């Protein structure tokens, strides 16, 4: 995979109207720029089909591309997940993407109180042996449950987690586990939904109802846990000075800083279109020096949180993080029967 990955969540339509034709042509531009890995999911409405269309229209470029998708059963369906459910879900992704084998399937399970995640992961392993999947990954699992899956013999090769200058929860055991088991760490949220950008420098914190984008609401909660708006502004000012020094933008610095962290294989950049492609390309080339790293760490040493294992806050459906999550995202589909 490329160390900078093109994210697909923004193409699901929650971030504005998507022009399907333009989205497909933008994919070609990313591949030509060296960003050859695309991240999507079965719950990102229409995105797998968009990528499938790209693969069909650009067969030469398609040979250079790696597609990472996800298997995410709805919360309401967890108790119904069996071998048939898993295979039908994988077959659906194969059909949408127009491929014979999925490069990487990243598995997520909403509620550990509903047993079956180890068995579902084992079914993915069976489908790997069957030739429908090349590699198995997980996303948002915590250390104990990923350990269960690994101990069951499932060949997990990657772990996708939220990991950023604002959120270092993977350091609470997950990085050590992945290092010891040879699992690549793929990071999302490295620019906190756009908060880590010039747009938010010097601005007051948004009022409770001032953020209509669920992604921004989600990351503002992380900022609160990090240490509040004032500390966040100090971080932006520091990143801004580094960005000016290197003639790039804050998002590029924030992503590069995470890419330089121990055992990070790749960072995902959210992209509705190719307007930020030139900045995305700079992530791979940017070299932060010791003074840059020290300046960033001086701010991060003042952080208050967030605490806990990977995704533990978001899993608590009664908590401030969990209450804003959507747990049933498949569109008018039922694969239980």
C-alpha atoms as a PDB file:
ATOM      1  CA  UNK A   1       0.000   0.000   0.000  1.00  0.00           C
ATOM      2  CA  UNK A   2       1.008   3.613  -0.426  1.00  0.00           C
ATOM      3  CA  UNK A   3       1.897   5.312   2.860  1.00  0.00           C
ATOM      4  CA  UNK A   4      -0.720   7.965   2.128  1.00  0.00           C
ATOM      5  CA  UNK A   5      -4.130   6.402   1.486  1.00  0.00           C
ATOM      6  CA  UNK A   6      -7.117   8.043  -0.185  1.00  0.00           C
ATOM      7  CA  UNK A   7     -10.091   7.759   2.150  1.00  0.00           C
ATOM      8  CA  UNK A   8     -13.559   7.086   0.758  1.00  0.00           C
ATOM      9  CA  UNK A   9     -15.857   8.117   3.610  1.00  0.00           C
ATOM     10  CA  UNK A  10     -16.222  11.662   2.271  1.00  0.00           C
ATOM     11  CA  UNK A  11     -17.639  10.261  -0.968  1.00  0.00           C
ATOM     12  CA  UNK A  12     -20.605   8.733   0.844  1.00  0.00           C
ATOM     13  CA  UNK A  13     -22.463  12.042   0.622  1.00  0.00           C
ATOM     14  CA  UNK A  14     -22.447  13.227   4.242  1.00  0.00           C
ATOM     15  CA  UNK A  15     -20.027  16.006   3.333  1.00  0.00           C
ATOM     16  CA  UNK A  16     -21.968  17.549   0.465  1.00  0.00           C
ATOM     17  CA  UNK A  17     -23.223  16.631  -2.979  1.00  0.00           C
ATOM     18  CA  UNK A  18     -20.942  14.228  -4.858  1.00  0.00           C
ATOM     19  CA  UNK A  19     -20.532  14.317  -8.637  1.00  0.00           C
ATOM     20  CA  UNK A  20     -19.996  10.624  -9.484  1.00  0.00           C
ATOM     21  CA  UNK A  21     -18.265  11.341 -12.799  1.00  0.00           C
ATOM     22  CA  UNK A  22     -15.850  13.796 -11.211  1.00  0.00           C
ATOM     23  CA  UNK A  23     -15.225  11.449  -8.279  1.00  0.00           C
ATOM     24  CA  UNK A  24     -14.151   8.685 -10.650  1.00  0.00           C
ATOM     25  CA  UNK A  25     -11.806  10.970 -12.589  1.00  0.00           C
ATOM     26  CA  UNK A  26     -10.362  12.279  -9.313  1.00  0.00           C
ATOM     27  CA  UNK A  27      -9.440   8.707  -8.381  1.00  0.00           C
ATOM     28  CA  UNK A  28      -7.323   8.528 -11.498  1.00  0.00           C
ATOM     29  CA  UNK A  29      -5.572  11.748 -10.510  1.00  0.00           C
ATOM     30  CA  UNK A  30      -4.702  10.322  -7.090  1.00  0.00           C
ATOM     31  CA  UNK A  31      -3.215   7.163  -8.588  1.00  0.00           C
ATOM     32  CA  UNK A  32      -1.187   9.203 -11.077  1.00  0.00           C
ATOM     33  CA  UNK A  33       0.094  11.239  -8.107  1.00  0.00           C
ATOM     34  CA  UNK A  34       1.348   8.077  -6.394  1.00  0.00           C
ATOM     35  CA  UNK A  35      -1.504   7.648  -3.899  1.00  0.00           C
ATOM     36  CA  UNK A  36      -2.461   4.179  -5.080  1.00  0.00           C
ATOM     37  CA  UNK A  37      -4.361   2.780  -2.096  1.00  0.00           C
ATOM     38  CA  UNK A  38      -8.063   3.542  -1.593  1.00  0.00           C
ATOM     39  CA  UNK A  39      -9.921   2.971   1.668  1.00  0.00           C
ATOM     40  CA  UNK A  40     -13.677   2.310   1.642  1.00  0.00           C
ATOM     41  CA  UNK A  41     -16.298   0.234   3.455  1.00  0.00           C
ATOM     42  CA  UNK A  42     -19.473  -1.690   2.829  1.00  0.00           C
ATOM     43  CA  UNK A  43     -21.330   0.939   4.903  1.00  0.00           C
ATOM     44  CA  UNK A  44     -20.057   3.927   2.881  1.00  0.00           C
ATOM     45  CA  UNK A  45     -23.100   4.373   0.678  1.00  0.00           C
ATOM     46  CA  UNK A  46     -22.201   4.066  -2.994  1.00  0.00           C
ATOM     47  CA  UNK A  47     -18.434   4.261  -2.518  1.00  0.00           C
ATOM     48  CA  UNK A  48     -17.529   0.671  -3.359  1.00  0.00           C
ATOM     49  CA  UNK A  49     -19.572   1.029  -6.562  1.00  0.00           C
ATOM     50  CA  UNK A  50     -17.785   4.281  -7.436  1.00  0.00           C
ATOM     51  CA  UNK A  51     -14.412   2.609  -7.031  1.00  0.00           C
ATOM     52  CA  UNK A  52     -15.620  -0.343  -9.087  1.00  0.00           C
ATOM     53  CA  UNK A  53     -16.576   2.056 -11.849  1.00  0.00           C
ATOM     54  CA  UNK A  54     -13.127   3.644 -11.702  1.00  0.00           C
ATOM     55  CA  UNK A  55     -11.465   0.236 -11.974  1.00  0.00           C
ATOM     56  CA  UNK A  56     -13.542  -0.477 -15.068  1.00  0.00           C
ATOM     57  CA  UNK A  57     -12.905   2.852 -16.768  1.00  0.00           C
ATOM     58  CA  UNK A  58      -9.160   2.937 -16.041  1.00  0.00           C
ATOM     59  CA  UNK A  59      -7.927  -0.658 -16.486  1.00  0.00           C
ATOM     60  CA  UNK A  60      -4.270   0.384 -16.821  1.00  0.00           C
ATOM     61  CA  UNK A  61      -4.325   2.414 -13.604  1.00  0.00           C
ATOM     62  CA  UNK A  62      -6.383  -0.293 -11.902  1.00  0.00           C
ATOM     63  CA  UNK A  63      -3.350  -2.577 -12.006  1.00  0.00           C
ATOM     64  CA  UNK A  64      -1.517  -0.176  -9.681  1.00  0.00           C
ATOM     65  CA  UNK A  65      -4.337   0.200  -7.146  1.00  0.00           C
ATOM     66  CA  UNK A  66      -4.947  -1.543  -3.819  1.00  0.00           C
ATOM     67  CA  UNK A  67      -8.486  -1.411  -2.451  1.00  0.00           C
ATOM     68  CA  UNK A  68      -9.077  -1.632   1.293  1.00  0.00           C
ATOM     69  CA  UNK A  69     -12.721  -2.189   2.184  1.00  0.00           C
ATOM     70  CA  UNK A  70     -14.459  -3.118   5.438  1.00  0.00           C
ATOM     71  CA  UNK A  71     -16.900  -5.686   6.732  1.00  0.00           C
ATOM     72  CA  UNK A  72     -19.114  -3.917   9.294  1.00  0.00           C
ATOM     73  CA  UNK A  73     -22.339  -5.661  10.308  1.00  0.00           C
ATOM     74  CA  UNK A  74     -24.997  -3.327  11.709  1.00  0.00           C
ATOM     75  CA  UNK A  75     -25.380  -3.314  15.473  1.00  0.00           C
ATOM     76  CA  UNK A  76     -28.934  -4.626  15.174  1.00  0.00           C
ATOM     77  CA  UNK A  77     -27.701  -7.592  13.126  1.00  0.00           C
ATOM     78  CA  UNK A  78     -24.755  -8.782  15.233  1.00  0.00           C
ATOM     79  CA  UNK A  79     -26.647 -11.688  16.777  1.00  0.00           C
ATOM     80  CA  UNK A  80     -27.561 -12.881  13.274  1.00  0.00           C
ATOM     81  CA  UNK A  81     -24.025 -12.931  11.862  1.00  0.00           C
ATOM     82  CA  UNK A  82     -23.154 -16.447  10.740  1.00  0.00           C
ATOM     83  CA  UNK A  83     -21.091 -18.004   7.948  1.00  0.00           C
ATOM     84  CA  UNK A  84     -23.714 -17.247   5.333  1.00  0.00           C
ATOM     85  CA  UNK A  85     -24.068 -13.634   6.427  1.00  0.00           C
ATOM     86  CA  UNK A  86     -20.299 -13.081   6.232  1.00  0.00           C
ATOM     87  CA  UNK A  87     -19.982 -14.630   2.772  1.00  0.00           C
ATOM     88  CA  UNK A  88     -22.968 -12.735   1.384  1.00  0.00           C
ATOM     89  CA  UNK A  89     -21.476  -9.490   2.669  1.00  0.00           C
ATOM     90  CA  UNK A  90     -18.125 -10.258   1.043  1.00  0.00           C
ATOM     91  CA  UNK A  91     -19.840 -11.266  -2.199  1.00  0.00           C
ATOM     92  CA  UNK A  92     -21.670  -7.942  -2.180  1.00  0.00           C
ATOM     93  CA  UNK A  93     -18.379  -6.036  -1.915  1.00  0.00           C
ATOM     94  CA  UNK A  94     -16.884  -8.149  -4.707  1.00  0.00           C
ATOM     95  CA  UNK A  95     -19.855  -7.327  -6.908  1.00  0.00           C
ATOM     96  CA  UNK A  96     -19.783  -3.597  -6.162  1.00  0.00           C
ATOM     97  CA  UNK A  97     -16.031  -3.316  -6.692  1.00  0.00           C
ATOM     98  CA  UNK A  98     -16.152  -5.530  -9.795  1.00  0.00           C
ATOM     99  CA  UNK A  99     -13.211  -7.639  -8.657  1.00  0.00           C
ATOM    100  CA  UNK A 100     -12.642 -11.349  -8.128  1.00  0.00           C
ATOM    101  CA  UNK A 101     -10.723 -10.942  -4.876  1.00  0.00           C
ATOM    102  CA  UNK A 102     -10.686  -8.222  -2.203  1.00  0.00           C
ATOM    103  CA  UNK A 103      -7.200  -6.899  -1.457  1.00  0.00           C
ATOM    104  CA  UNK A 104      -7.924  -6.187   2.226  1.00  0.00           C
ATOM    105  CA  UNK A 105     -11.079  -6.624   4.294  1.00  0.00           C
ATOM    106  CA  UNK A 106     -11.037  -4.715   7.591  1.00  0.00           C
ATOM    107  CA  UNK A 107     -13.430  -6.135  10.185  1.00  0.00           C
ATOM    108  CA  UNK A 108     -15.328  -4.121  12.801  1.00  0.00           C
ATOM    109  CA  UNK A 109     -17.703  -5.275  15.556  1.00  0.00           C
ATOM    110  CA  UNK A 110     -19.880  -2.751  17.396  1.00  0.00           C
ATOM    111  CA  UNK A 111     -20.694  -4.484  20.681  1.00  0.00           C
ATOM    112  CA  UNK A 112     -18.464  -7.013  22.429  1.00  0.00           C
ATOM    113  CA  UNK A 113     -21.361  -8.022  24.693  1.00  0.00           C
ATOM    114  CA  UNK A 114     -22.789  -9.750  21.609  1.00  0.00           C
ATOM    115  CA  UNK A 115     -20.500 -12.690  21.082  1.00  0.00           C
ATOM    116  CA  UNK A 116     -19.509 -13.866  17.648  1.00  0.00           C
ATOM    117  CA  UNK A 117     -16.684 -11.587  16.570  1.00  0.00           C
ATOM    118  CA  UNK A 118     -14.071 -14.348  16.778  1.00  0.00           C
ATOM    119  CA  UNK A 119     -16.273 -16.688  14.747  1.00  0.00           C
ATOM    120  CA  UNK A 120     -16.959 -13.934  12.170  1.00  0.00           C
ATOM    121  CA  UNK A 121     -13.234 -13.269  11.849  1.00  0.00           C
ATOM    122  CA  UNK A 122     -12.655 -16.998  11.384  1.00  0.00           C
ATOM    123  CA  UNK A 123     -15.199 -16.962   8.533  1.00  0.00           C
ATOM    124  CA  UNK A 124     -13.198 -14.192   6.883  1.00  0.00           C
ATOM    125  CA  UNK A 125     -10.166 -16.440   7.194  1.00  0.00           C
ATOM    126  CA  UNK A 126     -12.121 -19.239   5.504  1.00  0.00           C
ATOM    127  CA  UNK A 127     -13.037 -16.904   2.658  1.00  0.00           C
ATOM    128  CA  UNK A 128      -9.377 -15.962   2.391  1.00  0.00           C
ATOM    129  CA  UNK A 129      -8.535 -19.639   1.935  1.00  0.00           C
ATOM    130  CA  UNK A 130     -11.339 -19.807  -0.632  1.00  0.00           C
ATOM    131  CA  UNK A 131      -9.695 -17.019  -2.650  1.00  0.00           C
ATOM    132  CA  UNK A 132     -12.261 -14.270  -2.151  1.00  0.00           C
ATOM    133  CA  UNK A 133     -10.024 -12.227   0.180  1.00  0.00           C
ATOM    134  CA  UNK A 134      -6.291 -11.610  -0.080  1.00  0.00           C
ATOM    135  CA  UNK A 135      -5.712 -10.126   3.377  1.00  0.00           C
ATOM    136  CA  UNK A 136      -7.639  -9.654   6.624  1.00  0.00           C
ATOM    137  CA  UNK A 137      -7.452  -6.555   8.792  1.00  0.00           C
ATOM    138  CA  UNK A 138      -9.428  -5.148  11.692  1.00  0.00           C
ATOM    139  CA  UNK A 139     -10.577  -1.653  12.535  1.00  0.00           C
ATOM    140  CA  UNK A 140     -11.379  -0.120  15.933  1.00  0.00           C
ATOM    141  CA  UNK A 141     -10.832  -3.329  17.890  1.00  0.00           C
ATOM    142  CA  UNK A 142      -9.329  -3.048  21.356  1.00  0.00           C
ATOM    143  CA  UNK A 143      -6.321  -4.960  22.649  1.00  0.00           C
ATOM    144  CA  UNK A 144      -8.120  -7.837  24.460  1.00  0.00           C
ATOM    145  CA  UNK A 145     -10.492  -8.629  21.576  1.00  0.00           C
ATOM    146  CA  UNK A 146      -7.849  -8.379  18.872  1.00  0.00           C
ATOM    147  CA  UNK A 147      -5.725 -10.720  20.977  1.00  0.00           C
ATOM    148  CA  UNK A 148      -8.638 -13.197  21.060  1.00  0.00           C
ATOM    149  CA  UNK A 149      -8.904 -13.101  17.278  1.00  0.00           C
ATOM    150  CA  UNK A 150      -5.165 -13.560  16.823  1.00  0.00           C
ATOM    151  CA  UNK A 151      -5.040 -16.412  19.321  1.00  0.00           C
ATOM    152  CA  UNK A 152      -7.813 -18.109  17.325  1.00  0.00           C
ATOM    153  CA  UNK A 153      -5.407 -18.246  14.387  1.00  0.00           C
ATOM    154  CA  UNK A 154      -6.922 -15.538  12.197  1.00  0.00           C
ATOM    155  CA  UNK A 155      -4.088 -14.048  10.058  1.00  0.00           C
ATOM    156  CA  UNK A 156      -4.664 -10.345  10.735  1.00  0.00           C
ATOM    157  CA  UNK A 157      -2.207  -8.137   8.828  1.00  0.00           C
ATOM    158  CA  UNK A 158      -3.450  -4.628   9.661  1.00  0.00           C
ATOM    159  CA  UNK A 159      -5.209  -2.564  12.297  1.00  0.00           C
ATOM    160  CA  UNK A 160      -6.963   0.684  11.344  1.00  0.00           C
ATOM    161  CA  UNK A 161      -7.467   3.079  14.244  1.00  0.00           C
ATOM    162  CA  UNK A 162      -7.988   6.735  15.007  1.00  0.00           C
ATOM    163  CA  UNK A 163      -4.489   8.051  15.759  1.00  0.00           C
ATOM    164  CA  UNK A 164      -3.506  11.685  15.633  1.00  0.00           C
ATOM    165  CA  UNK A 165      -1.761  14.509  17.447  1.00  0.00           C
ATOM    166  CA  UNK A 166      -5.026  14.897  19.361  1.00  0.00           C
ATOM    167  CA  UNK A 167      -5.707  11.216  20.015  1.00  0.00           C
ATOM    168  CA  UNK A 168      -2.911   8.860  21.049  1.00  0.00           C
ATOM    169  CA  UNK A 169      -5.054   6.035  22.435  1.00  0.00           C
ATOM    170  CA  UNK A 170      -3.342   3.363  20.261  1.00  0.00           C
ATOM    171  CA  UNK A 171      -0.275   3.884  22.478  1.00  0.00           C
ATOM    172  CA  UNK A 172      -2.212   2.350  25.369  1.00  0.00           C
ATOM    173  CA  UNK A 173      -1.250  -1.164  24.364  1.00  0.00           C
ATOM    174  CA  UNK A 174      -2.340  -1.447  20.725  1.00  0.00           C
ATOM    175  CA  UNK A 175       0.959  -0.335  19.181  1.00  0.00           C
ATOM    176  CA  UNK A 176       2.843  -2.837  21.331  1.00  0.00           C
ATOM    177  CA  UNK A 177       0.468  -5.647  20.355  1.00  0.00           C
ATOM    178  CA  UNK A 178       0.713  -4.825  16.655  1.00  0.00           C
ATOM    179  CA  UNK A 179       4.481  -4.597  16.804  1.00  0.00           C
ATOM    180  CA  UNK A 180       4.779  -7.952  18.567  1.00  0.00           C
ATOM    181  CA  UNK A 181       2.427  -9.669  16.089  1.00  0.00           C
ATOM    182  CA  UNK A 182       3.709  -8.033  12.906  1.00  0.00           C
ATOM    183  CA  UNK A 183       0.503  -6.085  12.255  1.00  0.00           C
ATOM    184  CA  UNK A 184       0.607  -2.841  10.257  1.00  0.00           C
ATOM    185  CA  UNK A 185      -1.078   0.198  11.847  1.00  0.00           C
ATOM    186  CA  UNK A 186      -3.164   2.354   9.498  1.00  0.00           C
ATOM    187  CA  UNK A 187      -4.318   5.695  10.879  1.00  0.00           C
ATOM    188  CA  UNK A 188      -7.462   7.693  10.270  1.00  0.00           C
ATOM    189  CA  UNK A 189      -8.449  11.019  11.810  1.00  0.00           C
ATOM    190  CA  UNK A 190      -4.946  12.464  11.471  1.00  0.00           C
ATOM    191  CA  UNK A 191      -6.394  15.908  10.641  1.00  0.00           C
ATOM    192  CA  UNK A 192      -9.385  15.503  12.976  1.00  0.00           C
ATOM    193  CA  UNK A 193     -12.030  15.981  10.330  1.00  0.00           C
ATOM    194  CA  UNK A 194     -10.389  19.214   9.182  1.00  0.00           C
ATOM    195  CA  UNK A 195      -9.881  20.792  12.605  1.00  0.00           C
ATOM    196  CA  UNK A 196      -6.116  20.522  12.159  1.00  0.00           C
ATOM    197  CA  UNK A 197      -5.988  23.196   9.480  1.00  0.00           C
ATOM    198  CA  UNK A 198      -5.528  26.920   8.992  1.00  0.00           C
ATOM    199  CA  UNK A 199      -9.297  27.328   8.886  1.00  0.00           C
ATOM    200  CA  UNK A 200      -9.577  26.960  12.665  1.00  0.00           C
ATOM    201  CA  UNK A 201      -6.583  29.064  13.733  1.00  0.00           C
ATOM    202  CA  UNK A 202      -7.564  31.952  15.971  1.00  0.00           C
ATOM    203  CA  UNK A 203     -11.233  31.024  15.966  1.00  0.00           C
ATOM    204  CA  UNK A 204     -13.431  30.684  18.980  1.00  0.00           C
ATOM    205  CA  UNK A 205     -14.734  27.270  19.892  1.00  0.00           C
ATOM    206  CA  UNK A 206     -17.940  26.485  18.043  1.00  0.00           C
ATOM    207  CA  UNK A 207     -21.080  26.671  20.143  1.00  0.00           C
ATOM    208  CA  UNK A 208     -22.837  23.410  20.945  1.00  0.00           C
ATOM    209  CA  UNK A 209     -25.207  23.699  18.007  1.00  0.00           C
ATOM    210  CA  UNK A 210     -22.768  25.411  15.696  1.00  0.00           C
ATOM    211  CA  UNK A 211     -21.402  22.239  14.152  1.00  0.00           C
ATOM    212  CA  UNK A 212     -23.806  20.493  11.813  1.00  0.00           C
ATOM    213  CA  UNK A 213     -21.245  18.020  10.426  1.00  0.00           C
ATOM    214  CA  UNK A 214     -21.221  14.887  12.600  1.00  0.00           C
ATOM    215  CA  UNK A 215     -17.523  14.409  11.875  1.00  0.00           C
ATOM    216  CA  UNK A 216     -16.718  17.833  13.333  1.00  0.00           C
ATOM    217  CA  UNK A 217     -18.903  17.185  16.368  1.00  0.00           C
ATOM    218  CA  UNK A 218     -17.031  13.932  16.899  1.00  0.00           C
ATOM    219  CA  UNK A 219     -13.612  15.551  16.731  1.00  0.00           C
ATOM    220  CA  UNK A 220     -14.580  18.522  18.873  1.00  0.00           C
ATOM    221  CA  UNK A 221     -15.243  16.016  21.644  1.00  0.00           C
ATOM    222  CA  UNK A 222     -11.706  14.702  21.114  1.00  0.00           C
ATOM    223  CA  UNK A 223     -10.385  18.275  21.327  1.00  0.00           C
ATOM    224  CA  UNK A 224     -12.220  18.689  24.643  1.00  0.00           C
ATOM    225  CA  UNK A 225     -10.568  15.519  25.944  1.00  0.00           C
ATOM    226  CA  UNK A 226      -7.191  16.574  24.559  1.00  0.00           C
ATOM    227  CA  UNK A 227      -7.126  19.643  26.778  1.00  0.00           C
ATOM    228  CA  UNK A 228      -9.714  22.082  25.491  1.00  0.00           C
ATOM    229  CA  UNK A 229      -9.846  24.793  22.888  1.00  0.00           C
ATOM    230  CA  UNK A 230      -6.972  26.913  24.248  1.00  0.00           C
ATOM    231  CA  UNK A 231      -4.479  24.046  24.159  1.00  0.00           C
ATOM    232  CA  UNK A 232      -5.794  23.102  20.713  1.00  0.00           C
ATOM    233  CA  UNK A 233      -5.098  26.659  19.523  1.00  0.00           C
ATOM    234  CA  UNK A 234      -1.549  26.407  20.867  1.00  0.00           C
ATOM    235  CA  UNK A 235      -1.103  23.232  18.858  1.00  0.00           C
ATOM    236  CA  UNK A 236      -2.425  24.951  15.722  1.00  0.00           C
ATOM    237  CA  UNK A 237      -0.070  27.892  16.207  1.00  0.00           C
ATOM    238  CA  UNK A 238       2.880  25.526  16.537  1.00  0.00           C
ATOM    239  CA  UNK A 239       1.864  23.510  13.482  1.00  0.00           C
ATOM    240  CA  UNK A 240       1.286  26.752  11.590  1.00  0.00           C
ATOM    241  CA  UNK A 241       4.840  27.947  12.196  1.00  0.00           C
ATOM    242  CA  UNK A 242       6.208  24.587  11.066  1.00  0.00           C
ATOM    243  CA  UNK A 243       3.998  24.666   7.963  1.00  0.00           C
ATOM    244  CA  UNK A 244       5.268  28.128   6.978  1.00  0.00           C
ATOM    245  CA  UNK A 245       8.826  26.948   7.488  1.00  0.00           C
ATOM    246  CA  UNK A 246       8.324  23.996   5.131  1.00  0.00           C
ATOM    247  CA  UNK A 247       6.017  25.809   2.690  1.00  0.00           C
ATOM    248  CA  UNK A 248       3.093  23.490   3.217  1.00  0.00           C
ATOM    249  CA  UNK A 249      -0.127  23.516   5.240  1.00  0.00           C
ATOM    250  CA  UNK A 250      -1.048  22.483   8.762  1.00  0.00           C
ATOM    251  CA  UNK A 251      -2.846  19.316   7.667  1.00  0.00           C
ATOM    252  CA  UNK A 252       0.296  18.143   5.882  1.00  0.00           C
ATOM    253  CA  UNK A 253       2.411  18.690   8.992  1.00  0.00           C
ATOM    254  CA  UNK A 254      -0.149  16.943  11.217  1.00  0.00           C
ATOM    255  CA  UNK A 255      -0.302  13.906   8.936  1.00  0.00           C
ATOM    256  CA  UNK A 256       3.469  13.709   8.476  1.00  0.00           C
ATOM    257  CA  UNK A 257       4.037  13.870  12.226  1.00  0.00           C
ATOM    258  CA  UNK A 258       1.829  10.807  12.716  1.00  0.00           C
ATOM    259  CA  UNK A 259       3.378   9.014   9.740  1.00  0.00           C
ATOM    260  CA  UNK A 260       6.751   9.394  11.483  1.00  0.00           C
ATOM    261  CA  UNK A 261       5.526   7.760  14.691  1.00  0.00           C
ATOM    262  CA  UNK A 262       6.708   4.305  15.647  1.00  0.00           C
ATOM    263  CA  UNK A 263       5.029   1.430  13.804  1.00  0.00           C
ATOM    264  CA  UNK A 264       2.707   3.575  11.679  1.00  0.00           C
ATOM    265  CA  UNK A 265       2.403   2.093   8.187  1.00  0.00           C
ATOM    266  CA  UNK A 266       0.095   4.650   6.549  1.00  0.00           C
ATOM    267  CA  UNK A 267      -2.231   7.596   7.096  1.00  0.00           C
ATOM    268  CA  UNK A 268      -5.627   8.070   5.462  1.00  0.00           C
ATOM    269  CA  UNK A 269      -6.533  11.439   3.956  1.00  0.00           C
ATOM    270  CA  UNK A 270     -10.196  12.228   3.509  1.00  0.00           C
ATOM    271  CA  UNK A 271     -10.835  13.559   0.025  1.00  0.00           C
ATOM    272  CA  UNK A 272     -14.160  14.611  -1.458  1.00  0.00           C
ATOM    273  CA  UNK A 273     -12.308  15.703  -4.605  1.00  0.00           C
ATOM    274  CA  UNK A 274      -8.786  16.396  -5.865  1.00  0.00           C
ATOM    275  CA  UNK A 275      -8.629  20.009  -4.695  1.00  0.00           C
ATOM    276  CA  UNK A 276      -6.168  19.137  -1.922  1.00  0.00           C
ATOM    277  CA  UNK A 277      -4.197  16.592  -3.948  1.00  0.00           C
ATOM    278  CA  UNK A 278      -1.079  18.751  -4.180  1.00  0.00           C
ATOM    279  CA  UNK A 279      -1.061  19.070  -0.388  1.00  0.00           C
ATOM    280  CA  UNK A 280      -1.721  15.342   0.049  1.00  0.00           C
ATOM    281  CA  UNK A 281       1.280  14.562  -2.160  1.00  0.00           C
ATOM    282  CA  UNK A 282       3.545  16.642   0.085  1.00  0.00           C
ATOM    283  CA  UNK A 283       2.890  14.404   3.093  1.00  0.00           C
ATOM    284  CA  UNK A 284       5.167  11.701   1.707  1.00  0.00           C
ATOM    285  CA  UNK A 285       7.977  14.143   0.886  1.00  0.00           C
ATOM    286  CA  UNK A 286       7.896  16.372   3.980  1.00  0.00           C
ATOM    287  CA  UNK A 287      10.778  15.857   6.400  1.00  0.00           C
ATOM    288  CA  UNK A 288      10.247  17.236   9.886  1.00  0.00           C
ATOM    289  CA  UNK A 289      13.478  18.084  11.687  1.00  0.00           C
ATOM    290  CA  UNK A 290      14.322  17.644  15.360  1.00  0.00           C
ATOM    291  CA  UNK A 291      13.235  21.197  16.204  1.00  0.00           C
ATOM    292  CA  UNK A 292       9.825  20.570  14.598  1.00  0.00           C
ATOM    293  CA  UNK A 293       9.305  17.365  16.536  1.00  0.00           C
ATOM    294  CA  UNK A 294      10.384  18.986  19.820  1.00  0.00           C
ATOM    295  CA  UNK A 295       8.002  21.909  19.307  1.00  0.00           C
ATOM    296  CA  UNK A 296       5.080  19.563  18.681  1.00  0.00           C
ATOM    297  CA  UNK A 297       5.965  17.357  21.640  1.00  0.00           C
ATOM    298  CA  UNK A 298       6.128  20.393  23.932  1.00  0.00           C
ATOM    299  CA  UNK A 299       2.428  20.908  23.277  1.00  0.00           C
ATOM    300  CA  UNK A 300       1.491  17.227  23.392  1.00  0.00           C
ATOM    301  CA  UNK A 301       3.083  16.860  26.839  1.00  0.00           C
ATOM    302  CA  UNK A 302       0.326  19.153  28.128  1.00  0.00           C
ATOM    303  CA  UNK A 303      -2.482  16.928  26.880  1.00  0.00           C
ATOM    304  CA  UNK A 304      -5.115  15.641  29.290  1.00  0.00           C
ATOM    305  CA  UNK A 305      -6.456  12.754  27.190  1.00  0.00           C
ATOM    306  CA  UNK A 306      -8.359  11.071  25.651  1.00  0.00           C
ATOM    307  CA  UNK A 307      -7.817   7.986  27.765  1.00  0.00           C
ATOM    308  CA  UNK A 308      -8.515   4.306  27.323  1.00  0.00           C
ATOM    309  CA  UNK A 309      -8.109   1.682  24.634  1.00  0.00           C
ATOM    310  CA  UNK A 310      -8.799   2.157  20.941  1.00  0.00           C
ATOM    311  CA  UNK A 311     -12.441   3.163  20.323  1.00  0.00           C
ATOM    312  CA  UNK A 312     -13.462   2.545  23.942  1.00  0.00           C
ATOM    313  CA  UNK A 313     -15.127   5.965  24.234  1.00  0.00           C
ATOM    314  CA  UNK A 314     -17.090   5.533  21.022  1.00  0.00           C
ATOM    315  CA  UNK A 315     -18.316   2.068  22.070  1.00  0.00           C
ATOM    316  CA  UNK A 316     -20.045   3.455  25.155  1.00  0.00           C
ATOM    317  CA  UNK A 317     -23.426   4.235  23.629  1.00  0.00           C
ATOM    318  CA  UNK A 318     -24.484   6.107  26.774  1.00  0.00           C
ATOM    319  CA  UNK A 319     -21.420   8.359  26.800  1.00  0.00           C
ATOM    320  CA  UNK A 320     -20.862  11.697  25.070  1.00  0.00           C
ATOM    321  CA  UNK A 321     -18.825  10.083  22.277  1.00  0.00           C
ATOM    322  CA  UNK A 322     -21.071   7.067  21.726  1.00  0.00           C
ATOM    323  CA  UNK A 323     -24.339   8.993  21.694  1.00  0.00           C
ATOM    324  CA  UNK A 324     -23.484  10.709  18.400  1.00  0.00           C
ATOM    325  CA  UNK A 325     -22.425   7.540  16.581  1.00  0.00           C
ATOM    326  CA  UNK A 326     -24.544   5.764  13.960  1.00  0.00           C
ATOM    327  CA  UNK A 327     -24.522   2.016  14.422  1.00  0.00           C
ATOM    328  CA  UNK A 328     -26.874   0.801  11.684  1.00  0.00           C
ATOM    329  CA  UNK A 329     -25.597   2.162   8.386  1.00  0.00           C
ATOM    330  CA  UNK A 330     -26.472  -0.382   5.744  1.00  0.00           C
ATOM    331  CA  UNK A 331     -29.034   0.960   3.317  1.00  0.00           C
ATOM    332  CA  UNK A 332     -32.270  -1.081   3.140  1.00  0.00           C
ATOM    333  CA  UNK A 333     -30.389  -4.372   3.150  1.00  0.00           C
ATOM    334  CA  UNK A 334     -30.754  -7.452   5.289  1.00  0.00           C
ATOM    335  CA  UNK A 335     -28.216 -10.241   4.871  1.00  0.00           C
ATOM    336  CA  UNK A 336     -29.418 -12.430   7.734  1.00  0.00           C
ATOM    337  CA  UNK A 337     -31.374 -14.738   5.449  1.00  0.00           C
END
